[in-house]
Amino acid sequence: MTGIETIIKIAGVGLLAAIINSILDKSDKRELSTFVTLTALVIVLVMVITMVADLLGTVKSLFNLF
């Protein structure tokens, strides 16, 4: 994944979560909207953790570690 694709994916998840959160808040389902927000946060964190793991793998192979 390139940097721009990743930024667009993260922004898409955030935008989708914000829209769903707004709709659920208007219909007085605040607990569900909190759950949607936390789910979006977990999805973005998994994406970031995957990118960091790829970065560490690249650094490891670059310096011939282990």
Protein backbone atom coordinates (compact mmCIF):
# COMPACT_ATOMS: atom_id res chain seq x y z
CA MET A 1 0.00 0.00 0.00
CA THR A 2 1.20 3.45 -0.76
CA GLY A 3 0.92 6.35 1.64
CA ILE A 4 -1.92 8.04 -0.20
CA GLU A 5 -4.01 4.84 -0.34
CA THR A 6 -3.57 4.35 3.38
CA ILE A 7 -4.56 7.92 4.18
CA ILE A 8 -7.65 7.60 1.99
CA LYS A 9 -8.63 4.30 3.65
CA ILE A 10 -8.23 5.77 7.15
CA ALA A 11 -10.20 8.87 6.15
CA GLY A 12 -12.90 6.66 4.63
CA VAL A 13 -13.26 4.64 7.81
CA GLY A 14 -13.42 7.84 9.83
CA LEU A 15 -15.98 9.46 7.55
CA LEU A 16 -18.17 6.35 7.50
CA ALA A 17 -17.98 6.07 11.29
CA ALA A 18 -18.88 9.75 11.68
CA ILE A 19 -21.92 9.41 9.42
CA ILE A 20 -23.17 6.28 11.17
CA ASN A 21 -22.45 7.86 14.55
CA SER A 22 -24.48 10.94 13.63
CA ILE A 23 -27.43 8.86 12.41
CA LEU A 24 -27.42 6.74 15.56
CA ASP A 25 -27.18 9.82 17.81
CA LYS A 26 -30.22 11.35 16.11
CA SER A 27 -32.21 8.15 16.72
CA ASP A 28 -31.22 8.11 20.44
CA LYS A 29 -29.04 5.00 20.22
CA ARG A 30 -25.96 6.42 21.90
CA GLU A 31 -24.64 3.07 23.14
CA LEU A 32 -24.61 1.68 19.63
CA SER A 33 -22.96 4.83 18.29
CA THR A 34 -20.19 4.46 20.88
CA PHE A 35 -19.73 0.86 19.77
CA VAL A 36 -19.45 1.99 16.13
CA THR A 37 -16.83 4.58 17.09
CA LEU A 38 -14.78 2.02 19.03
CA THR A 39 -15.03 -0.46 16.15
CA ALA A 40 -13.75 2.16 13.71
CA LEU A 41 -10.88 2.92 16.08
CA VAL A 42 -9.93 -0.76 16.27
CA ILE A 43 -10.03 -1.08 12.47
CA VAL A 44 -7.70 1.90 12.05
CA LEU A 45 -5.38 0.63 14.78
CA VAL A 46 -5.12 -2.76 13.05
CA MET A 47 -4.22 -0.98 9.80
CA VAL A 48 -1.55 1.07 11.55
CA ILE A 49 -0.13 -1.92 13.44
CA THR A 50 0.16 -3.82 10.15
CA MET A 51 2.03 -0.91 8.60
CA VAL A 52 4.40 -0.69 11.59
CA ALA A 53 5.07 -4.44 11.38
CA ASP A 54 5.90 -4.08 7.69
CA LEU A 55 8.20 -1.18 8.52
CA LEU A 56 10.01 -3.16 11.19
CA GLY A 57 10.38 -6.10 8.81
CA THR A 58 11.91 -3.78 6.21
CA VAL A 59 14.33 -2.30 8.76
CA LYS A 60 15.25 -5.80 9.93
CA SER A 61 16.02 -6.96 6.41
CA LEU A 62 17.84 -3.74 5.61
CA PHE A 63 20.30 -4.15 8.45
CA ASN A 64 20.37 -7.98 8.22
CA LEU A 65 19.20 -8.41 11.79
CA PHE A 66 18.48 -11.91 13.07
